[in-house]
PDB file of N, CA and C in Angstrom:
ATOM      1  N   MET A   1      84.086  88.287  70.943  1.00  0.00           N
ATOM      2  CA  MET A   1      83.999  89.718  70.728  1.00  0.00           C
ATOM      3  C   MET A   1      83.944  90.034  69.236  1.00  0.00           C
ATOM      4  N   GLY A   2      83.216  89.235  68.509  1.00  0.00           N
ATOM      5  CA  GLY A   2      83.021  89.530  67.102  1.00  0.00           C
ATOM      6  C   GLY A   2      83.826  88.661  66.157  1.00  0.00           C
ATOM      7  N   THR A   3      84.845  87.966  66.634  1.00  0.00           N
ATOM      8  CA  THR A   3      85.648  87.106  65.775  1.00  0.00           C
ATOM      9  C   THR A   3      85.526  85.673  66.251  1.00  0.00           C
ATOM     10  N   PRO A   4      85.781  84.718  65.360  1.00  0.00           N
ATOM     11  CA  PRO A   4      85.715  83.325  65.798  1.00  0.00           C
ATOM     12  C   PRO A   4      86.738  83.069  66.902  1.00  0.00           C
ATOM     13  N   ASN A   5      86.340  82.298  67.885  1.00  0.00           N
ATOM     14  CA  ASN A   5      87.208  82.020  69.023  1.00  0.00           C
ATOM     15  C   ASN A   5      87.974  80.722  68.800  1.00  0.00           C
ATOM     16  N   VAL A   6      88.788  80.715  67.768  1.00  0.00           N
ATOM     17  CA  VAL A   6      89.575  79.541  67.431  1.00  0.00           C
ATOM     18  C   VAL A   6      90.949  79.678  68.063  1.00  0.00           C
ATOM     19  N   TYR A   7      91.300  78.726  68.901  1.00  0.00           N
ATOM     20  CA  TYR A   7      92.585  78.756  69.591  1.00  0.00           C
ATOM     21  C   TYR A   7      93.713  78.459  68.606  1.00  0.00           C
ATOM     22  N   LYS A   8      94.795  79.208  68.726  1.00  0.00           N
ATOM     23  CA  LYS A   8      96.001  78.969  67.926  1.00  0.00           C
ATOM     24  C   LYS A   8      97.185  78.903  68.873  1.00  0.00           C
ATOM     25  N   LYS A   9      98.106  77.998  68.593  1.00  0.00           N
ATOM     26  CA  LYS A   9      99.264  77.796  69.462  1.00  0.00           C
ATOM     27  C   LYS A   9     100.107  79.058  69.630  1.00  0.00           C
ATOM     28  N   GLU A  10     100.142  79.921  68.611  1.00  0.00           N
ATOM     29  CA  GLU A  10     100.942  81.155  68.702  1.00  0.00           C
ATOM     30  C   GLU A  10     100.404  82.129  69.751  1.00  0.00           C
ATOM     31  N   TYR A  11      99.178  81.884  70.234  1.00  0.00           N
ATOM     32  CA  TYR A  11      98.625  82.730  71.289  1.00  0.00           C
ATOM     33  C   TYR A  11      99.401  82.571  72.596  1.00  0.00           C
ATOM     34  N   CYS A  12     100.100  81.448  72.750  1.00  0.00           N
ATOM     35  CA  CYS A  12     100.905  81.233  73.965  1.00  0.00           C
ATOM     36  C   CYS A  12     101.966  82.322  74.102  1.00  0.00           C
ATOM     37  N   GLN A  13     102.701  82.587  73.024  1.00  0.00           N
ATOM     38  CA  GLN A  13     103.756  83.595  73.097  1.00  0.00           C
ATOM     39  C   GLN A  13     103.174  84.988  73.281  1.00  0.00           C
ATOM     40  N   ILE A  14     102.039  85.250  72.662  1.00  0.00           N
ATOM     41  CA  ILE A  14     101.389  86.552  72.848  1.00  0.00           C
ATOM     42  C   ILE A  14     101.016  86.737  74.316  1.00  0.00           C
ATOM     43  N   ALA A  15     100.452  85.694  74.924  1.00  0.00           N
ATOM     44  CA  ALA A  15     100.072  85.776  76.340  1.00  0.00           C
ATOM     45  C   ALA A  15     101.300  86.019  77.216  1.00  0.00           C
ATOM     46  N   ILE A  16     102.375  85.303  76.963  1.00  0.00           N
ATOM     47  CA  ILE A  16     103.610  85.486  77.737  1.00  0.00           C
ATOM     48  C   ILE A  16     104.118  86.909  77.580  1.00  0.00           C
ATOM     49  N   ASP A  17     104.139  87.409  76.354  1.00  0.00           N
ATOM     50  CA  ASP A  17     104.650  88.757  76.100  1.00  0.00           C
ATOM     51  C   ASP A  17     103.823  89.825  76.807  1.00  0.00           C
ATOM     52  N   VAL A  18     102.508  89.715  76.725  1.00  0.00           N
ATOM     53  CA  VAL A  18     101.626  90.705  77.345  1.00  0.00           C
ATOM     54  C   VAL A  18     101.770  90.664  78.866  1.00  0.00           C
ATOM     55  N   LEU A  19     101.703  89.485  79.436  1.00  0.00           N
ATOM     56  CA  LEU A  19     101.787  89.356  80.881  1.00  0.00           C
ATOM     57  C   LEU A  19     103.177  89.732  81.391  1.00  0.00           C
ATOM     58  N   SER A  20     104.207  89.379  80.645  1.00  0.00           N
ATOM     59  CA  SER A  20     105.579  89.689  81.057  1.00  0.00           C
ATOM     60  C   SER A  20     105.841  91.183  81.148  1.00  0.00           C
ATOM     61  N   SER A  21     105.076  91.954  80.415  1.00  0.00           N
ATOM     62  CA  SER A  21     105.250  93.405  80.465  1.00  0.00           C
ATOM     63  C   SER A  21     104.500  94.018  81.649  1.00  0.00           C
ATOM     64  N   GLY A  22     103.948  93.161  82.519  1.00  0.00           N
ATOM     65  CA  GLY A  22     103.278  93.636  83.723  1.00  0.00           C
ATOM     66  C   GLY A  22     101.783  93.823  83.558  1.00  0.00           C
ATOM     67  N   GLU A  23     101.273  93.468  82.412  1.00  0.00           N
ATOM     68  CA  GLU A  23      99.835  93.647  82.184  1.00  0.00           C
ATOM     69  C   GLU A  23      99.049  92.463  82.734  1.00  0.00           C
ATOM     70  N   SER A  24      97.741  92.533  82.602  1.00  0.00           N
ATOM     71  CA  SER A  24      96.835  91.578  83.240  1.00  0.00           C
ATOM     72  C   SER A  24      96.231  90.599  82.238  1.00  0.00           C
ATOM     73  N   LEU A  25      95.437  89.666  82.772  1.00  0.00           N
ATOM     74  CA  LEU A  25      94.695  88.751  81.906  1.00  0.00           C
ATOM     75  C   LEU A  25      93.729  89.516  81.013  1.00  0.00           C
ATOM     76  N   ALA A  26      93.176  90.603  81.518  1.00  0.00           N
ATOM     77  CA  ALA A  26      92.283  91.433  80.698  1.00  0.00           C
ATOM     78  C   ALA A  26      93.036  91.978  79.489  1.00  0.00           C
ATOM     79  N   ALA A  27      94.310  92.327  79.676  1.00  0.00           N
ATOM     80  CA  ALA A  27      95.116  92.826  78.563  1.00  0.00           C
ATOM     81  C   ALA A  27      95.376  91.725  77.535  1.00  0.00           C
ATOM     82  N   VAL A  28      95.566  90.494  78.007  1.00  0.00           N
ATOM     83  CA  VAL A  28      95.729  89.365  77.085  1.00  0.00           C
ATOM     84  C   VAL A  28      94.462  89.211  76.258  1.00  0.00           C
ATOM     85  N   CYS A  29      93.307  89.280  76.925  1.00  0.00           N
ATOM     86  CA  CYS A  29      92.027  89.175  76.213  1.00  0.00           C
ATOM     87  C   CYS A  29      91.893  90.273  75.164  1.00  0.00           C
ATOM     88  N   ALA A  30      92.256  91.482  75.536  1.00  0.00           N
ATOM     89  CA  ALA A  30      92.165  92.602  74.595  1.00  0.00           C
ATOM     90  C   ALA A  30      93.099  92.383  73.402  1.00  0.00           C
ATOM     91  N   GLU A  31      94.304  91.919  73.669  1.00  0.00           N
ATOM     92  CA  GLU A  31      95.281  91.679  72.595  1.00  0.00           C
ATOM     93  C   GLU A  31      94.804  90.596  71.634  1.00  0.00           C
ATOM     94  N   LEU A  32      94.151  89.566  72.185  1.00  0.00           N
ATOM     95  CA  LEU A  32      93.663  88.459  71.362  1.00  0.00           C
ATOM     96  C   LEU A  32      92.242  88.679  70.847  1.00  0.00           C
ATOM     97  N   ASN A  33      91.633  89.782  71.284  1.00  0.00           N
ATOM     98  CA  ASN A  33      90.269  90.119  70.876  1.00  0.00           C
ATOM     99  C   ASN A  33      89.273  89.017  71.253  1.00  0.00           C
ATOM    100  N   ILE A  34      89.373  88.589  72.524  1.00  0.00           N
ATOM    101  CA  ILE A  34      88.487  87.536  73.030  1.00  0.00           C
ATOM    102  C   ILE A  34      87.890  87.966  74.366  1.00  0.00           C
ATOM    103  N   ALA A  35      86.832  87.287  74.753  1.00  0.00           N
ATOM    104  CA  ALA A  35      86.234  87.495  76.073  1.00  0.00           C
ATOM    105  C   ALA A  35      87.030  86.707  77.105  1.00  0.00           C
ATOM    106  N   ARG A  36      86.955  87.121  78.348  1.00  0.00           N
ATOM    107  CA  ARG A  36      87.681  86.409  79.411  1.00  0.00           C
ATOM    108  C   ARG A  36      87.200  84.963  79.512  1.00  0.00           C
ATOM    109  N   SER A  37      85.926  84.732  79.286  1.00  0.00           N
ATOM    110  CA  SER A  37      85.414  83.360  79.346  1.00  0.00           C
ATOM    111  C   SER A  37      86.106  82.475  78.301  1.00  0.00           C
ATOM    112  N   THR A  38      86.418  83.044  77.142  1.00  0.00           N
ATOM    113  CA  THR A  38      87.142  82.287  76.113  1.00  0.00           C
ATOM    114  C   THR A  38      88.558  81.991  76.578  1.00  0.00           C
ATOM    115  N   LEU A  39      89.211  82.967  77.193  1.00  0.00           N
ATOM    116  CA  LEU A  39      90.553  82.748  77.726  1.00  0.00           C
ATOM    117  C   LEU A  39      90.543  81.587  78.710  1.00  0.00           C
ATOM    118  N   TYR A  40      89.551  81.552  79.601  1.00  0.00           N
ATOM    119  CA  TYR A  40      89.460  80.469  80.579  1.00  0.00           C
ATOM    120  C   TYR A  40      89.185  79.127  79.906  1.00  0.00           C
ATOM    121  N   GLU A  41      88.355  79.121  78.865  1.00  0.00           N
ATOM    122  CA  GLU A  41      88.092  77.880  78.122  1.00  0.00           C
ATOM    123  C   GLU A  41      89.376  77.360  77.491  1.00  0.00           C
ATOM    124  N   TRP A  42      90.134  78.270  76.855  1.00  0.00           N
ATOM    125  CA  TRP A  42      91.397  77.879  76.230  1.00  0.00           C
ATOM    126  C   TRP A  42      92.386  77.372  77.277  1.00  0.00           C
ATOM    127  N   ARG A  43      92.453  78.054  78.407  1.00  0.00           N
ATOM    128  CA  ARG A  43      93.358  77.646  79.487  1.00  0.00           C
ATOM    129  C   ARG A  43      93.020  76.234  79.956  1.00  0.00           C
ATOM    130  N   ASP A  44      91.729  75.971  80.127  1.00  0.00           N
ATOM    131  CA  ASP A  44      91.289  74.684  80.661  1.00  0.00           C
ATOM    132  C   ASP A  44      91.419  73.540  79.661  1.00  0.00           C
ATOM    133  N   SER A  45      91.428  73.849  78.370  1.00  0.00           N
ATOM    134  CA  SER A  45      91.475  72.784  77.366  1.00  0.00           C
ATOM    135  C   SER A  45      92.811  72.689  76.618  1.00  0.00           C
ATOM    136  N   ASN A  46      93.749  73.587  76.899  1.00  0.00           N
ATOM    137  CA  ASN A  46      95.042  73.584  76.206  1.00  0.00           C
ATOM    138  C   ASN A  46      96.170  73.732  77.232  1.00  0.00           C
ATOM    139  N   PRO A  47      96.804  72.635  77.594  1.00  0.00           N
ATOM    140  CA  PRO A  47      97.852  72.691  78.621  1.00  0.00           C
ATOM    141  C   PRO A  47      98.977  73.681  78.299  1.00  0.00           C
ATOM    142  N   GLU A  48      99.324  73.810  77.032  1.00  0.00           N
ATOM    143  CA  GLU A  48     100.406  74.743  76.685  1.00  0.00           C
ATOM    144  C   GLU A  48      99.980  76.198  76.894  1.00  0.00           C
ATOM    145  N   PHE A  49      98.705  76.492  76.711  1.00  0.00           N
ATOM    146  CA  PHE A  49      98.213  77.848  76.945  1.00  0.00           C
ATOM    147  C   PHE A  49      98.167  78.125  78.450  1.00  0.00           C
ATOM    148  N   LYS A  50      97.742  77.142  79.211  1.00  0.00           N
ATOM    149  CA  LYS A  50      97.740  77.277  80.672  1.00  0.00           C
ATOM    150  C   LYS A  50      99.156  77.537  81.174  1.00  0.00           C
ATOM    151  N   ALA A  51     100.121  76.790  80.659  1.00  0.00           N
ATOM    152  CA  ALA A  51     101.521  76.971  81.064  1.00  0.00           C
ATOM    153  C   ALA A  51     102.027  78.357  80.666  1.00  0.00           C
ATOM    154  N   ALA A  52     101.616  78.830  79.500  1.00  0.00           N
ATOM    155  CA  ALA A  52     102.028  80.160  79.040  1.00  0.00           C
ATOM    156  C   ALA A  52     101.470  81.248  79.953  1.00  0.00           C
ATOM    157  N   LEU A  53     100.218  81.115  80.349  1.00  0.00           N
ATOM    158  CA  LEU A  53      99.621  82.084  81.272  1.00  0.00           C
ATOM    159  C   LEU A  53     100.360  82.077  82.601  1.00  0.00           C
ATOM    160  N   GLU A  54     100.648  80.898  83.114  1.00  0.00           N
ATOM    161  CA  GLU A  54     101.369  80.798  84.387  1.00  0.00           C
ATOM    162  C   GLU A  54     102.758  81.425  84.279  1.00  0.00           C
ATOM    163  N   GLN A  55     103.456  81.136  83.193  1.00  0.00           N
ATOM    164  CA  GLN A  55     104.789  81.691  82.987  1.00  0.00           C
ATOM    165  C   GLN A  55     104.737  83.219  82.899  1.00  0.00           C
ATOM    166  N   GLY A  56     103.790  83.733  82.132  1.00  0.00           N
ATOM    167  CA  GLY A  56     103.647  85.177  81.988  1.00  0.00           C
ATOM    168  C   GLY A  56     103.306  85.854  83.302  1.00  0.00           C
ATOM    169  N   LEU A  57     102.424  85.247  84.079  1.00  0.00           N
ATOM    170  CA  LEU A  57     102.048  85.820  85.378  1.00  0.00           C
ATOM    171  C   LEU A  57     103.225  85.807  86.352  1.00  0.00           C
ATOM    172  N   GLN A  58     104.035  84.760  86.306  1.00  0.00           N
ATOM    173  CA  GLN A  58     105.220  84.720  87.164  1.00  0.00           C
ATOM    174  C   GLN A  58     106.207  85.824  86.785  1.00  0.00           C
ATOM    175  N   LYS A  59     106.376  86.041  85.492  1.00  0.00           N
ATOM    176  CA  LYS A  59     107.279  87.105  85.046  1.00  0.00           C
ATOM    177  C   LYS A  59     106.725  88.477  85.431  1.00  0.00           C
ATOM    178  N   ALA A  60     105.419  88.631  85.341  1.00  0.00           N
ATOM    179  CA  ALA A  60     104.811  89.905  85.747  1.00  0.00           C
ATOM    180  C   ALA A  60     105.042  90.143  87.237  1.00  0.00           C
ATOM    181  N   GLN A  61     104.855  89.108  88.049  1.00  0.00           N
ATOM    182  CA  GLN A  61     105.070  89.251  89.480  1.00  0.00           C
ATOM    183  C   GLN A  61     106.528  89.603  89.764  1.00  0.00           C
ATOM    184  N   ARG A  62     107.443  88.961  89.074  1.00  0.00           N
ATOM    185  CA  ARG A  62     108.865  89.277  89.251  1.00  0.00           C
ATOM    186  C   ARG A  62     109.124  90.755  88.984  1.00  0.00           C
ATOM    187  N   ASP A  63     108.541  91.289  87.908  1.00  0.00           N
ATOM    188  CA  ASP A  63     108.760  92.695  87.569  1.00  0.00           C
ATOM    189  C   ASP A  63     108.117  93.635  88.579  1.00  0.00           C
ATOM    190  N   TRP A  64     106.938  93.279  89.070  1.00  0.00           N
ATOM    191  CA  TRP A  64     106.294  94.103  90.102  1.00  0.00           C
ATOM    192  C   TRP A  64     107.110  94.069  91.388  1.00  0.00           C
ATOM    193  N   GLU A  65     107.682  92.916  91.701  1.00  0.00           N
ATOM    194  CA  GLU A  65     108.513  92.825  92.905  1.00  0.00           C
ATOM    195  C   GLU A  65     109.784  93.663  92.759  1.00  0.00           C
ATOM    196  N   ARG A  66     110.372  93.671  91.585  1.00  0.00           N
ATOM    197  CA  ARG A  66     111.540  94.533  91.331  1.00  0.00           C
ATOM    198  C   ARG A  66     111.167  96.006  91.484  1.00  0.00           C
ATOM    199  N   LEU A  67     110.014  96.356  90.962  1.00  0.00           N
ATOM    200  CA  LEU A  67     109.534  97.730  91.093  1.00  0.00           C
ATOM    201  C   LEU A  67     109.391  98.101  92.566  1.00  0.00           C
ATOM    202  N   GLY A  68     108.808  97.205  93.338  1.00  0.00           N
ATOM    203  CA  GLY A  68     108.643  97.450  94.767  1.00  0.00           C
ATOM    204  C   GLY A  68     109.978  97.578  95.475  1.00  0.00           C
ATOM    205  N   ARG A  69     110.917  96.716  95.139  1.00  0.00           N
ATOM    206  CA  ARG A  69     112.246  96.790  95.750  1.00  0.00           C
ATOM    207  C   ARG A  69     112.908  98.131  95.436  1.00  0.00           C
ATOM    208  N   ASP A  70     112.784  98.563  94.177  1.00  0.00           N
ATOM    209  CA  ASP A  70     113.351  99.863  93.795  1.00  0.00           C
ATOM    210  C   ASP A  70     112.676 100.993  94.562  1.00  0.00           C
ATOM    211  N   GLY A  71     111.373 100.914  94.719  1.00  0.00           N
ATOM    212  CA  GLY A  71     110.651 101.945  95.461  1.00  0.00           C
ATOM    213  C   GLY A  71     111.024 101.961  96.928  1.00  0.00           C
ATOM    214  N   ILE A  72     111.109 100.792  97.522  1.00  0.00           N
ATOM    215  CA  ILE A  72     111.455 100.682  98.933  1.00  0.00           C
ATOM    216  C   ILE A  72     112.866 101.202  99.186  1.00  0.00           C
ATOM    217  N   ASN A  73     113.765 100.949  98.247  1.00  0.00           N
ATOM    218  CA  ASN A  73     115.157 101.394  98.389  1.00  0.00           C
ATOM    219  C   ASN A  73     115.353 102.865  98.036  1.00  0.00           C
ATOM    220  N   GLY A  74     114.267 103.554  97.681  1.00  0.00           N
ATOM    221  CA  GLY A  74     114.348 104.974  97.388  1.00  0.00           C
ATOM    222  C   GLY A  74     114.819 105.307  95.986  1.00  0.00           C
ATOM    223  N   ASN A  75     114.777 104.338  95.098  1.00  0.00           N
ATOM    224  CA  ASN A  75     115.248 104.558  93.726  1.00  0.00           C
ATOM    225  C   ASN A  75     114.168 105.083  92.783  1.00  0.00           C
ATOM    226  N   LEU A  76     112.939 105.229  93.271  1.00  0.00           N
ATOM    227  CA  LEU A  76     111.837 105.721  92.440  1.00  0.00           C
ATOM    228  C   LEU A  76     111.219 106.959  93.077  1.00  0.00           C
ATOM    229  N   GLU A  77     111.088 107.998  92.287  1.00  0.00           N
ATOM    230  CA  GLU A  77     110.407 109.197  92.771  1.00  0.00           C
ATOM    231  C   GLU A  77     108.915 108.921  92.862  1.00  0.00           C
ATOM    232  N   LYS A  78     108.289 109.495  93.842  1.00  0.00           N
ATOM    233  CA  LYS A  78     106.837 109.411  94.017  1.00  0.00           C
ATOM    234  C   LYS A  78     106.332 107.975  94.142  1.00  0.00           C
ATOM    235  N   PHE A  79     107.128 107.099  94.744  1.00  0.00           N
ATOM    236  CA  PHE A  79     106.704 105.724  94.989  1.00  0.00           C
ATOM    237  C   PHE A  79     105.679 105.727  96.108  1.00  0.00           C
ATOM    238  N   SER A  80     104.534 105.123  95.870  1.00  0.00           N
ATOM    239  CA  SER A  80     103.474 105.060  96.875  1.00  0.00           C
ATOM    240  C   SER A  80     103.459 103.667  97.502  1.00  0.00           C
ATOM    241  N   GLN A  81     103.883 103.613  98.752  1.00  0.00           N
ATOM    242  CA  GLN A  81     103.906 102.333  99.448  1.00  0.00           C
ATOM    243  C   GLN A  81     102.507 101.746  99.567  1.00  0.00           C
ATOM    244  N   ALA A  82     101.544 102.574  99.882  1.00  0.00           N
ATOM    245  CA  ALA A  82     100.167 102.091 100.043  1.00  0.00           C
ATOM    246  C   ALA A  82      99.622 101.529  98.728  1.00  0.00           C
ATOM    247  N   ALA A  83      99.865 102.226  97.643  1.00  0.00           N
ATOM    248  CA  ALA A  83      99.392 101.747  96.339  1.00  0.00           C
ATOM    249  C   ALA A  83     100.093 100.447  95.963  1.00  0.00           C
ATOM    250  N   TYR A  84     101.377 100.362  96.269  1.00  0.00           N
ATOM    251  CA  TYR A  84     102.125  99.140  95.962  1.00  0.00           C
ATOM    252  C   TYR A  84     101.576  97.956  96.760  1.00  0.00           C
ATOM    253  N   ILE A  85     101.377  98.140  98.051  1.00  0.00           N
ATOM    254  CA  ILE A  85     100.841  97.062  98.881  1.00  0.00           C
ATOM    255  C   ILE A  85      99.464  96.637  98.369  1.00  0.00           C
ATOM    256  N   PHE A  86      98.616  97.606  98.059  1.00  0.00           N
ATOM    257  CA  PHE A  86      97.274  97.306  97.544  1.00  0.00           C
ATOM    258  C   PHE A  86      97.368  96.481  96.256  1.00  0.00           C
ATOM    259  N   THR A  87      98.238  96.907  95.355  1.00  0.00           N
ATOM    260  CA  THR A  87      98.397  96.210  94.077  1.00  0.00           C
ATOM    261  C   THR A  87      98.863  94.782  94.293  1.00  0.00           C
ATOM    262  N   MET A  88      99.882  94.593  95.099  1.00  0.00           N
ATOM    263  CA  MET A  88     100.433  93.259  95.297  1.00  0.00           C
ATOM    264  C   MET A  88      99.427  92.329  95.980  1.00  0.00           C
ATOM    265  N   LYS A  89      98.726  92.838  96.980  1.00  0.00           N
ATOM    266  CA  LYS A  89      97.751  92.011  97.689  1.00  0.00           C
ATOM    267  C   LYS A  89      96.599  91.592  96.780  1.00  0.00           C
ATOM    268  N   ASN A  90      96.241  92.437  95.841  1.00  0.00           N
ATOM    269  CA  ASN A  90      95.116  92.134  94.972  1.00  0.00           C
ATOM    270  C   ASN A  90      95.522  91.435  93.683  1.00  0.00           C
ATOM    271  N   ARG A  91      96.681  91.758  93.180  1.00  0.00           N
ATOM    272  CA  ARG A  91      97.108  91.189  91.912  1.00  0.00           C
ATOM    273  C   ARG A  91      97.765  89.827  92.076  1.00  0.00           C
ATOM    274  N   PHE A  92      98.482  89.638  93.169  1.00  0.00           N
ATOM    275  CA  PHE A  92      99.210  88.391  93.405  1.00  0.00           C
ATOM    276  C   PHE A  92      98.772  87.798  94.745  1.00  0.00           C
ATOM    277  N   ARG A  93      97.486  87.522  94.829  1.00  0.00           N
ATOM    278  CA  ARG A  93      96.857  87.097  96.079  1.00  0.00           C
ATOM    279  C   ARG A  93      97.491  85.850  96.692  1.00  0.00           C
ATOM    280  N   ALA A  94      97.882  84.915  95.859  1.00  0.00           N
ATOM    281  CA  ALA A  94      98.423  83.658  96.389  1.00  0.00           C
ATOM    282  C   ALA A  94      99.651  83.893  97.254  1.00  0.00           C
ATOM    283  N   ASP A  95     100.428  84.902  96.937  1.00  0.00           N
ATOM    284  CA  ASP A  95     101.653  85.172  97.677  1.00  0.00           C
ATOM    285  C   ASP A  95     101.548  86.346  98.642  1.00  0.00           C
ATOM    286  N   TYR A  96     100.600  87.253  98.431  1.00  0.00           N
ATOM    287  CA  TYR A  96     100.600  88.490  99.203  1.00  0.00           C
ATOM    288  C   TYR A  96      99.339  88.775 100.006  1.00  0.00           C
ATOM    289  N   ALA A  97      98.251  88.097  99.739  1.00  0.00           N
ATOM    290  CA  ALA A  97      97.028  88.380 100.490  1.00  0.00           C
ATOM    291  C   ALA A  97      97.175  87.873 101.913  1.00  0.00           C
ATOM    292  N   GLU A  98      96.624  88.626 102.843  1.00  0.00           N
ATOM    293  CA  GLU A  98      96.640  88.185 104.228  1.00  0.00           C
ATOM    294  C   GLU A  98      95.574  87.115 104.413  1.00  0.00           C
ATOM    295  N   ASP A  99      95.807  86.240 105.363  1.00  0.00           N
ATOM    296  CA  ASP A  99      94.886  85.151 105.643  1.00  0.00           C
ATOM    297  C   ASP A  99      93.584  85.723 106.192  1.00  0.00           C
ATOM    298  N   LYS A 100      92.511  85.589 105.439  1.00  0.00           N
ATOM    299  CA  LYS A 100      91.221  86.152 105.835  1.00  0.00           C
ATOM    300  C   LYS A 100      90.584  85.370 106.980  1.00  0.00           C
ATOM    301  N   GLU A 101      90.946  84.101 107.165  1.00  0.00           N
ATOM    302  CA  GLU A 101      90.347  83.284 108.212  1.00  0.00           C
ATOM    303  C   GLU A 101      90.928  83.599 109.587  1.00  0.00           C
ATOM    304  N   ASP A 102      92.119  84.147 109.616  1.00  0.00           N
ATOM    305  CA  ASP A 102      92.789  84.421 110.883  1.00  0.00           C
ATOM    306  C   ASP A 102      92.496  85.854 111.316  1.00  0.00           C
ATOM    307  N   LYS A 103      91.285  86.094 111.782  1.00  0.00           N
ATOM    308  CA  LYS A 103      90.841  87.436 112.142  1.00  0.00           C
ATOM    309  C   LYS A 103      91.596  88.010 113.337  1.00  0.00           C
ATOM    310  N   ASP A 104      92.115  87.145 114.211  1.00  0.00           N
ATOM    311  CA  ASP A 104      92.801  87.611 115.410  1.00  0.00           C
ATOM    312  C   ASP A 104      94.267  87.951 115.166  1.00  0.00           C
ATOM    313  N   ASN A 105      94.784  87.618 113.997  1.00  0.00           N
ATOM    314  CA  ASN A 105      96.191  87.859 113.704  1.00  0.00           C
ATOM    315  C   ASN A 105      96.390  89.348 113.420  1.00  0.00           C
ATOM    316  N   THR A 106      97.166  90.019 114.269  1.00  0.00           N
ATOM    317  CA  THR A 106      97.411  91.448 114.081  1.00  0.00           C
ATOM    318  C   THR A 106      98.800  91.723 113.520  1.00  0.00           C
ATOM    319  N   ALA A 107      99.553  90.664 113.183  1.00  0.00           N
ATOM    320  CA  ALA A 107     100.894  90.855 112.618  1.00  0.00           C
ATOM    321  C   ALA A 107     100.779  91.516 111.252  1.00  0.00           C
ATOM    322  N   ALA A 108     101.710  92.388 110.964  1.00  0.00           N
ATOM    323  CA  ALA A 108     101.721  93.073 109.666  1.00  0.00           C
ATOM    324  C   ALA A 108     102.091  92.075 108.580  1.00  0.00           C
ATOM    325  N   SER A 109     101.649  92.342 107.381  1.00  0.00           N
ATOM    326  CA  SER A 109     102.014  91.491 106.254  1.00  0.00           C
ATOM    327  C   SER A 109     103.513  91.615 105.995  1.00  0.00           C
ATOM    328  N   VAL A 110     104.032  90.725 105.202  1.00  0.00           N
ATOM    329  CA  VAL A 110     105.454  90.760 104.862  1.00  0.00           C
ATOM    330  C   VAL A 110     105.809  92.097 104.227  1.00  0.00           C
ATOM    331  N   LEU A 111     104.981  92.568 103.325  1.00  0.00           N
ATOM    332  CA  LEU A 111     105.264  93.857 102.675  1.00  0.00           C
ATOM    333  C   LEU A 111     105.293  94.998 103.676  1.00  0.00           C
ATOM    334  N   GLU A 112     104.354  94.996 104.586  1.00  0.00           N
ATOM    335  CA  GLU A 112     104.322  96.056 105.594  1.00  0.00           C
ATOM    336  C   GLU A 112     105.560  95.997 106.477  1.00  0.00           C
ATOM    337  N   LYS A 113     106.034  94.790 106.796  1.00  0.00           N
ATOM    338  CA  LYS A 113     107.250  94.644 107.593  1.00  0.00           C
ATOM    339  C   LYS A 113     108.462  95.154 106.825  1.00  0.00           C
ATOM    340  N   ILE A 114     108.502  94.892 105.524  1.00  0.00           N
ATOM    341  CA  ILE A 114     109.610  95.402 104.701  1.00  0.00           C
ATOM    342  C   ILE A 114     109.597  96.919 104.715  1.00  0.00           C
ATOM    343  N   LEU A 115     108.421  97.499 104.502  1.00  0.00           N
ATOM    344  CA  LEU A 115     108.318  98.950 104.432  1.00  0.00           C
ATOM    345  C   LEU A 115     108.650  99.611 105.771  1.00  0.00           C
ATOM    346  N   LYS A 116     108.398  98.913 106.862  1.00  0.00           N
ATOM    347  CA  LYS A 116     108.723  99.443 108.186  1.00  0.00           C
ATOM    348  C   LYS A 116     110.183  99.203 108.554  1.00  0.00           C
ATOM    349  N   GLY A 117     110.907  98.467 107.712  1.00  0.00           N
ATOM    350  CA  GLY A 117     112.300  98.183 107.986  1.00  0.00           C
ATOM    351  C   GLY A 117     112.506  97.008 108.908  1.00  0.00           C
ATOM    352  N   GLU A 118     111.443  96.265 109.212  1.00  0.00           N
ATOM    353  CA  GLU A 118     111.558  95.101 110.094  1.00  0.00           C
ATOM    354  C   GLU A 118     112.195  93.923 109.379  1.00  0.00           C
ATOM    355  N   ILE A 119     112.064  93.905 108.053  1.00  0.00           N
ATOM    356  CA  ILE A 119     112.703  92.904 107.220  1.00  0.00           C
ATOM    357  C   ILE A 119     113.562  93.628 106.215  1.00  0.00           C
ATOM    358  N   LYS A 120     114.803  93.229 106.085  1.00  0.00           N
ATOM    359  CA  LYS A 120     115.729  93.867 105.161  1.00  0.00           C
ATOM    360  C   LYS A 120     115.637  93.195 103.796  1.00  0.00           C
ATOM    361  N   VAL A 121     115.687  93.997 102.728  1.00  0.00           N
ATOM    362  CA  VAL A 121     115.637  93.497 101.364  1.00  0.00           C
ATOM    363  C   VAL A 121     116.998  93.744 100.730  1.00  0.00           C
ATOM    364  N   LYS A 122     117.573  92.700 100.165  1.00  0.00           N
ATOM    365  CA  LYS A 122     118.867  92.844  99.500  1.00  0.00           C
ATOM    366  C   LYS A 122     118.663  93.391  98.097  1.00  0.00           C
ATOM    367  N   SER A 123     119.522  94.295  97.670  1.00  0.00           N
ATOM    368  CA  SER A 123     119.519  94.784  96.296  1.00  0.00           C
ATOM    369  C   SER A 123     120.379  93.864  95.464  1.00  0.00           C
ATOM    370  N   GLU A 124     120.004  93.717  94.185  1.00  0.00           N
ATOM    371  CA  GLU A 124     120.805  92.880  93.283  1.00  0.00           C
ATOM    372  C   GLU A 124     122.018  93.635  92.807  1.00  0.00           C
TER     373      GLU A 124
END
């Protein structure tokens, strides 16, 4: 995006910080002033950067899950269950997306069961 795409080890902490605040890979790219393709190149060729991205994404998921728990427990005004489910299914697909191959499965997702009260969530 106009600057040399030279990887620096300090980008690991920047990636962790950006992702930990709940932002996305696109936000990391914007912060580092790089294209997403460069981010993927760095991830694939620098194990410490890959680990930093994974760590940041895990922290982001933890924070989104806390937000959802607070919303489900009634601690947030104007909490949108539908928007939360949509976000989690799309942002954290590995843990929240429904199995697309199982077309006959009509069971609600884990999040939908929580929101319906079928699964109880403990508060910390």
